[in-house]
Amino acid sequence: MEHEKNQQLQDFVYQGKSYPCCTSLTMGLIGGKWKTVILYHLQQGPLRYSELRQQMLQVTERTLSLQLKALEKDQLIKRKVYHQKPPLKVSYSLTDLGKTLEPLILQLAQWGELVMQNQILKDQAQTEK
């Protein structure tokens, strides 16, 4: 019992950051408006910055760049630079750790679809009244 109490009080430390619980750690890595969207698109395979940008028109270039750097720092994506003649080619892909998130990201997307379907049904019911 005492061991369980100490375990609950102990923080989880990942890459020098302390988190109060596993859920907090997970949300620290993938939380926010754009990280899960980036991870969702990278499930299809490697994408260049411009390809990600085309699929995420609402995100600013600065935000996309910052989110990619954060995901790379947290070892969820990798950045590959192709040393060819200019222009410089860079692509992003999921790491092995990032790939373990695929079932979670898929479930989040499916839940979002369910919420949208429920909203459509509510809107239709309101229109019919």
N, C-alpha and C. Protein backbone atom coordinates (compact mmCIF):
# COMPACT_ATOMS: atom_id res chain seq x y z
N MET A 1 0.82 -1.19 0.00
CA MET A 1 0.00 0.00 0.00
C MET A 1 0.87 1.26 0.00
N GLU A 2 1.89 1.27 0.84
CA GLU A 2 2.79 2.41 0.91
C GLU A 2 3.51 2.60 -0.42
N HIS A 3 3.89 1.48 -1.06
CA HIS A 3 4.57 1.54 -2.37
C HIS A 3 3.66 2.18 -3.42
N GLU A 4 2.36 1.81 -3.40
CA GLU A 4 1.39 2.38 -4.35
C GLU A 4 1.25 3.88 -4.13
N LYS A 5 1.24 4.31 -2.87
CA LYS A 5 1.13 5.73 -2.54
C LYS A 5 2.33 6.50 -3.08
N ASN A 6 3.53 5.96 -2.87
CA ASN A 6 4.75 6.59 -3.37
C ASN A 6 4.74 6.64 -4.89
N GLN A 7 4.25 5.59 -5.53
CA GLN A 7 4.19 5.52 -6.99
C GLN A 7 3.25 6.62 -7.52
N GLN A 8 2.12 6.85 -6.82
CA GLN A 8 1.17 7.85 -7.25
C GLN A 8 1.74 9.26 -7.12
N LEU A 9 2.59 9.49 -6.12
CA LEU A 9 3.16 10.80 -5.90
C LEU A 9 4.34 11.07 -6.82
N GLN A 10 4.87 10.02 -7.42
CA GLN A 10 6.04 10.15 -8.27
C GLN A 10 5.65 10.67 -9.65
N ASP A 11 6.40 11.64 -10.13
CA ASP A 11 6.16 12.18 -11.46
C ASP A 11 6.75 11.25 -12.52
N PHE A 12 6.21 11.35 -13.72
CA PHE A 12 6.76 10.65 -14.86
C PHE A 12 7.65 11.64 -15.60
N VAL A 13 8.87 11.25 -15.84
CA VAL A 13 9.82 12.14 -16.50
C VAL A 13 10.13 11.57 -17.88
N TYR A 14 9.95 12.41 -18.90
CA TYR A 14 10.25 12.01 -20.28
C TYR A 14 11.02 13.16 -20.92
N GLN A 15 12.19 12.86 -21.40
CA GLN A 15 13.06 13.84 -22.04
C GLN A 15 13.23 15.11 -21.20
N GLY A 16 13.43 14.90 -19.91
CA GLY A 16 13.71 16.02 -19.02
C GLY A 16 12.48 16.76 -18.53
N LYS A 17 11.31 16.44 -19.05
CA LYS A 17 10.07 17.09 -18.60
C LYS A 17 9.35 16.17 -17.62
N SER A 18 8.77 16.76 -16.61
CA SER A 18 8.06 16.01 -15.59
C SER A 18 6.55 16.10 -15.82
N TYR A 19 5.89 14.95 -15.72
CA TYR A 19 4.43 14.88 -15.91
C TYR A 19 3.82 14.18 -14.70
N PRO A 20 2.66 14.64 -14.22
CA PRO A 20 2.06 14.05 -13.02
C PRO A 20 1.45 12.66 -13.24
N CYS A 21 1.15 12.30 -14.51
CA CYS A 21 0.57 10.99 -14.79
C CYS A 21 0.79 10.64 -16.26
N CYS A 22 0.48 9.42 -16.60
CA CYS A 22 0.68 8.95 -17.98
C CYS A 22 -0.19 9.71 -18.98
N THR A 23 -1.40 10.05 -18.58
CA THR A 23 -2.29 10.79 -19.48
C THR A 23 -1.71 12.17 -19.75
N SER A 24 -1.17 12.78 -18.74
CA SER A 24 -0.55 14.09 -18.90
C SER A 24 0.66 14.00 -19.83
N LEU A 25 1.42 12.95 -19.71
CA LEU A 25 2.56 12.72 -20.61
C LEU A 25 2.08 12.61 -22.05
N THR A 26 1.06 11.78 -22.26
CA THR A 26 0.52 11.60 -23.62
C THR A 26 0.04 12.91 -24.20
N MET A 27 -0.74 13.66 -23.43
CA MET A 27 -1.27 14.92 -23.92
C MET A 27 -0.17 15.96 -24.10
N GLY A 28 0.87 15.87 -23.30
CA GLY A 28 2.01 16.76 -23.47
C GLY A 28 2.71 16.54 -24.80
N LEU A 29 2.70 15.29 -25.26
CA LEU A 29 3.36 14.95 -26.52
C LEU A 29 2.49 15.19 -27.74
N ILE A 30 1.19 14.90 -27.63
CA ILE A 30 0.33 14.99 -28.83
C ILE A 30 -0.79 16.00 -28.70
N GLY A 31 -0.88 16.68 -27.56
CA GLY A 31 -1.97 17.62 -27.32
C GLY A 31 -1.83 18.88 -28.16
N GLY A 32 -2.87 19.64 -28.17
CA GLY A 32 -2.89 20.87 -28.96
C GLY A 32 -3.68 20.66 -30.22
N LYS A 33 -3.87 21.73 -30.93
CA LYS A 33 -4.75 21.71 -32.09
C LYS A 33 -4.15 21.01 -33.30
N TRP A 34 -2.83 21.03 -33.48
CA TRP A 34 -2.26 20.59 -34.74
C TRP A 34 -1.42 19.32 -34.70
N LYS A 35 -0.90 18.94 -33.55
CA LYS A 35 -0.01 17.78 -33.50
C LYS A 35 -0.70 16.50 -33.96
N THR A 36 -1.92 16.26 -33.47
CA THR A 36 -2.61 15.04 -33.88
C THR A 36 -2.99 15.08 -35.36
N VAL A 37 -3.25 16.26 -35.88
CA VAL A 37 -3.57 16.40 -37.31
C VAL A 37 -2.33 16.05 -38.14
N ILE A 38 -1.18 16.53 -37.72
CA ILE A 38 0.07 16.19 -38.41
C ILE A 38 0.30 14.69 -38.36
N LEU A 39 0.16 14.11 -37.19
CA LEU A 39 0.36 12.66 -37.04
C LEU A 39 -0.64 11.88 -37.89
N TYR A 40 -1.87 12.36 -37.96
CA TYR A 40 -2.89 11.71 -38.78
C TYR A 40 -2.46 11.67 -40.25
N HIS A 41 -2.00 12.79 -40.77
CA HIS A 41 -1.59 12.85 -42.17
C HIS A 41 -0.33 12.03 -42.44
N LEU A 42 0.57 11.95 -41.49
CA LEU A 42 1.81 11.20 -41.69
C LEU A 42 1.60 9.69 -41.62
N GLN A 43 0.42 9.25 -41.20
CA GLN A 43 0.12 7.81 -41.22
C GLN A 43 0.11 7.28 -42.65
N GLN A 44 -0.16 8.15 -43.62
CA GLN A 44 -0.21 7.76 -45.03
C GLN A 44 1.19 7.48 -45.57
N GLY A 45 2.20 8.00 -44.91
CA GLY A 45 3.58 7.86 -45.36
C GLY A 45 4.28 9.21 -45.30
N PRO A 46 5.56 9.23 -45.68
CA PRO A 46 6.33 10.47 -45.61
C PRO A 46 5.70 11.58 -46.47
N LEU A 47 5.75 12.79 -45.93
CA LEU A 47 5.23 13.96 -46.64
C LEU A 47 6.24 15.10 -46.54
N ARG A 48 6.31 15.88 -47.58
CA ARG A 48 7.11 17.09 -47.56
C ARG A 48 6.33 18.18 -46.82
N TYR A 49 7.04 19.21 -46.40
CA TYR A 49 6.42 20.32 -45.69
C TYR A 49 5.26 20.90 -46.51
N SER A 50 5.51 21.12 -47.80
CA SER A 50 4.48 21.73 -48.65
C SER A 50 3.26 20.82 -48.79
N GLU A 51 3.46 19.52 -48.78
CA GLU A 51 2.33 18.58 -48.86
C GLU A 51 1.51 18.62 -47.58
N LEU A 52 2.18 18.69 -46.44
CA LEU A 52 1.46 18.84 -45.17
C LEU A 52 0.68 20.14 -45.16
N ARG A 53 1.32 21.19 -45.59
CA ARG A 53 0.71 22.53 -45.62
C ARG A 53 -0.55 22.53 -46.48
N GLN A 54 -0.51 21.83 -47.62
CA GLN A 54 -1.68 21.77 -48.51
C GLN A 54 -2.84 21.03 -47.85
N GLN A 55 -2.53 20.07 -47.00
CA GLN A 55 -3.59 19.29 -46.34
C GLN A 55 -4.09 19.98 -45.06
N MET A 56 -3.39 21.03 -44.64
CA MET A 56 -3.74 21.73 -43.40
C MET A 56 -3.75 23.23 -43.67
N LEU A 57 -4.66 23.66 -44.51
CA LEU A 57 -4.67 25.05 -44.95
C LEU A 57 -4.92 26.06 -43.84
N GLN A 58 -5.58 25.64 -42.76
CA GLN A 58 -5.91 26.58 -41.69
C GLN A 58 -4.72 26.91 -40.79
N VAL A 59 -3.69 26.09 -40.80
CA VAL A 59 -2.54 26.30 -39.92
C VAL A 59 -1.58 27.32 -40.55
N THR A 60 -1.01 28.17 -39.72
CA THR A 60 -0.03 29.12 -40.25
C THR A 60 1.30 28.39 -40.46
N GLU A 61 2.14 28.95 -41.32
CA GLU A 61 3.44 28.34 -41.58
C GLU A 61 4.27 28.27 -40.31
N ARG A 62 4.23 29.32 -39.53
CA ARG A 62 5.01 29.36 -38.29
C ARG A 62 4.55 28.27 -37.33
N THR A 63 3.25 28.13 -37.14
CA THR A 63 2.72 27.12 -36.24
C THR A 63 3.07 25.72 -36.72
N LEU A 64 2.90 25.48 -38.02
CA LEU A 64 3.23 24.16 -38.56
C LEU A 64 4.70 23.85 -38.32
N SER A 65 5.56 24.80 -38.57
CA SER A 65 6.99 24.62 -38.37
C SER A 65 7.31 24.31 -36.90
N LEU A 66 6.70 25.06 -35.99
CA LEU A 66 6.93 24.84 -34.56
C LEU A 66 6.43 23.48 -34.10
N GLN A 67 5.26 23.08 -34.60
CA GLN A 67 4.69 21.79 -34.21
C GLN A 67 5.52 20.63 -34.75
N LEU A 68 6.02 20.78 -35.97
CA LEU A 68 6.91 19.74 -36.54
C LEU A 68 8.18 19.62 -35.72
N LYS A 69 8.75 20.74 -35.32
CA LYS A 69 9.97 20.71 -34.49
C LYS A 69 9.70 20.04 -33.14
N ALA A 70 8.54 20.34 -32.54
CA ALA A 70 8.19 19.74 -31.25
C ALA A 70 8.00 18.23 -31.38
N LEU A 71 7.32 17.80 -32.43
CA LEU A 71 7.11 16.36 -32.65
C LEU A 71 8.43 15.65 -32.92
N GLU A 72 9.32 16.33 -33.63
CA GLU A 72 10.63 15.75 -33.90
C GLU A 72 11.44 15.66 -32.59
N LYS A 73 11.42 16.71 -31.80
CA LYS A 73 12.13 16.72 -30.52
C LYS A 73 11.64 15.60 -29.61
N ASP A 74 10.34 15.34 -29.63
CA ASP A 74 9.74 14.29 -28.81
C ASP A 74 9.85 12.91 -29.45
N GLN A 75 10.55 12.84 -30.56
CA GLN A 75 10.87 11.58 -31.25
C GLN A 75 9.63 10.86 -31.79
N LEU A 76 8.60 11.62 -32.16
CA LEU A 76 7.41 11.03 -32.76
C LEU A 76 7.47 11.08 -34.28
N ILE A 77 8.20 12.04 -34.81
CA ILE A 77 8.42 12.11 -36.26
C ILE A 77 9.92 12.29 -36.52
N LYS A 78 10.30 11.96 -37.73
CA LYS A 78 11.69 12.21 -38.13
C LYS A 78 11.69 13.09 -39.37
N ARG A 79 12.71 13.88 -39.45
CA ARG A 79 12.90 14.83 -40.55
C ARG A 79 14.07 14.32 -41.37
N LYS A 80 13.84 14.11 -42.65
CA LYS A 80 14.89 13.62 -43.52
C LYS A 80 15.21 14.70 -44.56
N VAL A 81 16.48 15.07 -44.63
CA VAL A 81 16.92 16.08 -45.58
C VAL A 81 17.62 15.35 -46.73
N TYR A 82 17.16 15.62 -47.94
CA TYR A 82 17.78 15.05 -49.14
C TYR A 82 18.77 16.07 -49.67
N HIS A 83 20.02 15.70 -49.67
CA HIS A 83 21.07 16.62 -50.12
C HIS A 83 21.22 16.49 -51.63
N GLN A 84 20.38 17.22 -52.31
CA GLN A 84 20.41 17.27 -53.76
C GLN A 84 20.71 18.70 -54.16
N LYS A 85 20.72 18.91 -55.45
CA LYS A 85 20.87 20.29 -55.88
C LYS A 85 19.64 21.07 -55.43
N PRO A 86 19.77 22.37 -55.25
CA PRO A 86 18.64 23.18 -54.78
C PRO A 86 17.43 23.02 -55.70
N PRO A 87 16.21 23.15 -55.20
CA PRO A 87 15.87 23.50 -53.83
C PRO A 87 16.03 22.29 -52.89
N LEU A 88 16.31 22.58 -51.65
CA LEU A 88 16.48 21.57 -50.62
C LEU A 88 15.18 20.80 -50.45
N LYS A 89 15.29 19.48 -50.36
CA LYS A 89 14.11 18.64 -50.18
C LYS A 89 14.13 18.05 -48.77
N VAL A 90 13.03 18.24 -48.04
CA VAL A 90 12.88 17.72 -46.68
C VAL A 90 11.55 16.96 -46.61
N SER A 91 11.58 15.79 -45.97
CA SER A 91 10.32 15.07 -45.76
C SER A 91 10.21 14.68 -44.30
N TYR A 92 8.98 14.47 -43.88
CA TYR A 92 8.68 14.09 -42.51
C TYR A 92 7.95 12.76 -42.53
N SER A 93 8.28 11.92 -41.54
CA SER A 93 7.61 10.62 -41.42
C SER A 93 7.54 10.24 -39.95
N LEU A 94 6.70 9.27 -39.67
CA LEU A 94 6.56 8.79 -38.30
C LEU A 94 7.77 7.94 -37.91
N THR A 95 8.21 8.08 -36.68
CA THR A 95 9.24 7.18 -36.14
C THR A 95 8.53 5.90 -35.69
N ASP A 96 9.29 4.92 -35.24
CA ASP A 96 8.66 3.71 -34.70
C ASP A 96 7.77 4.05 -33.51
N LEU A 97 8.23 4.98 -32.67
CA LEU A 97 7.42 5.42 -31.54
C LEU A 97 6.16 6.12 -32.03
N GLY A 98 6.29 6.97 -33.03
CA GLY A 98 5.14 7.66 -33.61
C GLY A 98 4.12 6.70 -34.20
N LYS A 99 4.61 5.63 -34.80
CA LYS A 99 3.71 4.63 -35.40
C LYS A 99 2.85 3.92 -34.35
N THR A 100 3.34 3.85 -33.10
CA THR A 100 2.53 3.22 -32.05
C THR A 100 1.29 4.04 -31.73
N LEU A 101 1.27 5.31 -32.16
CA LEU A 101 0.10 6.17 -31.94
C LEU A 101 -0.99 5.97 -32.99
N GLU A 102 -0.72 5.25 -34.06
CA GLU A 102 -1.68 5.12 -35.15
C GLU A 102 -3.06 4.65 -34.69
N PRO A 103 -3.18 3.60 -33.85
CA PRO A 103 -4.53 3.20 -33.41
C PRO A 103 -5.24 4.30 -32.63
N LEU A 104 -4.51 5.02 -31.80
CA LEU A 104 -5.09 6.11 -31.01
C LEU A 104 -5.56 7.24 -31.91
N ILE A 105 -4.73 7.63 -32.87
CA ILE A 105 -5.08 8.72 -33.79
C ILE A 105 -6.29 8.32 -34.63
N LEU A 106 -6.33 7.08 -35.07
CA LEU A 106 -7.48 6.59 -35.85
C LEU A 106 -8.75 6.63 -35.01
N GLN A 107 -8.67 6.22 -33.75
CA GLN A 107 -9.85 6.28 -32.88
C GLN A 107 -10.30 7.72 -32.64
N LEU A 108 -9.36 8.63 -32.49
CA LEU A 108 -9.72 10.03 -32.32
C LEU A 108 -10.46 10.55 -33.57
N ALA A 109 -9.97 10.17 -34.74
CA ALA A 109 -10.61 10.59 -35.99
C ALA A 109 -12.02 9.99 -36.10
N GLN A 110 -12.16 8.73 -35.74
CA GLN A 110 -13.47 8.08 -35.81
C GLN A 110 -14.44 8.72 -34.81
N TRP A 111 -13.95 9.08 -33.64
CA TRP A 111 -14.80 9.75 -32.66
C TRP A 111 -15.25 11.10 -33.19
N GLY A 112 -14.35 11.83 -33.84
CA GLY A 112 -14.71 13.11 -34.45
C GLY A 112 -15.79 12.95 -35.51
N GLU A 113 -15.69 11.89 -36.30
CA GLU A 113 -16.72 11.61 -37.31
C GLU A 113 -18.07 11.33 -36.65
N LEU A 114 -18.05 10.58 -35.54
CA LEU A 114 -19.28 10.28 -34.80
C LEU A 114 -19.92 11.57 -34.28
N VAL A 115 -19.12 12.45 -33.72
CA VAL A 115 -19.62 13.73 -33.22
C VAL A 115 -20.25 14.53 -34.36
N MET A 116 -19.58 14.56 -35.51
CA MET A 116 -20.13 15.29 -36.67
C MET A 116 -21.43 14.68 -37.15
N GLN A 117 -21.50 13.35 -37.21
CA GLN A 117 -22.74 12.70 -37.63
C GLN A 117 -23.89 13.03 -36.67
N ASN A 118 -23.60 13.02 -35.38
CA ASN A 118 -24.63 13.37 -34.39
C ASN A 118 -25.10 14.81 -34.58
N GLN A 119 -24.16 15.70 -34.87
CA GLN A 119 -24.52 17.10 -35.10
C GLN A 119 -25.39 17.24 -36.35
N ILE A 120 -25.06 16.52 -37.40
CA ILE A 120 -25.85 16.56 -38.64
C ILE A 120 -27.27 16.09 -38.36
N LEU A 121 -27.40 15.00 -37.60
CA LEU A 121 -28.73 14.48 -37.26
C LEU A 121 -29.52 15.49 -36.42
N LYS A 122 -28.85 16.14 -35.47
CA LYS A 122 -29.52 17.16 -34.66
C LYS A 122 -29.97 18.35 -35.53
N ASP A 123 -29.10 18.77 -36.43
CA ASP A 123 -29.43 19.88 -37.33
C ASP A 123 -30.62 19.52 -38.22
N GLN A 124 -30.65 18.30 -38.72
CA GLN A 124 -31.75 17.85 -39.56
C GLN A 124 -33.05 17.83 -38.78
N ALA A 125 -32.99 17.35 -37.54
CA ALA A 125 -34.18 17.30 -36.69
C ALA A 125 -34.70 18.70 -36.41
N GLN A 126 -33.79 19.66 -36.19
CA GLN A 126 -34.19 21.05 -35.94
C GLN A 126 -34.84 21.65 -37.17
N THR A 127 -34.31 21.33 -38.35
CA THR A 127 -34.84 21.86 -39.61
C THR A 127 -36.24 21.33 -39.88
N GLU A 128 -36.48 20.07 -39.52
CA GLU A 128 -37.78 19.44 -39.78
C GLU A 128 -38.87 19.94 -38.86
N LYS A 129 -38.50 20.57 -37.76
CA LYS A 129 -39.52 21.05 -36.79
C LYS A 129 -40.26 22.23 -37.28
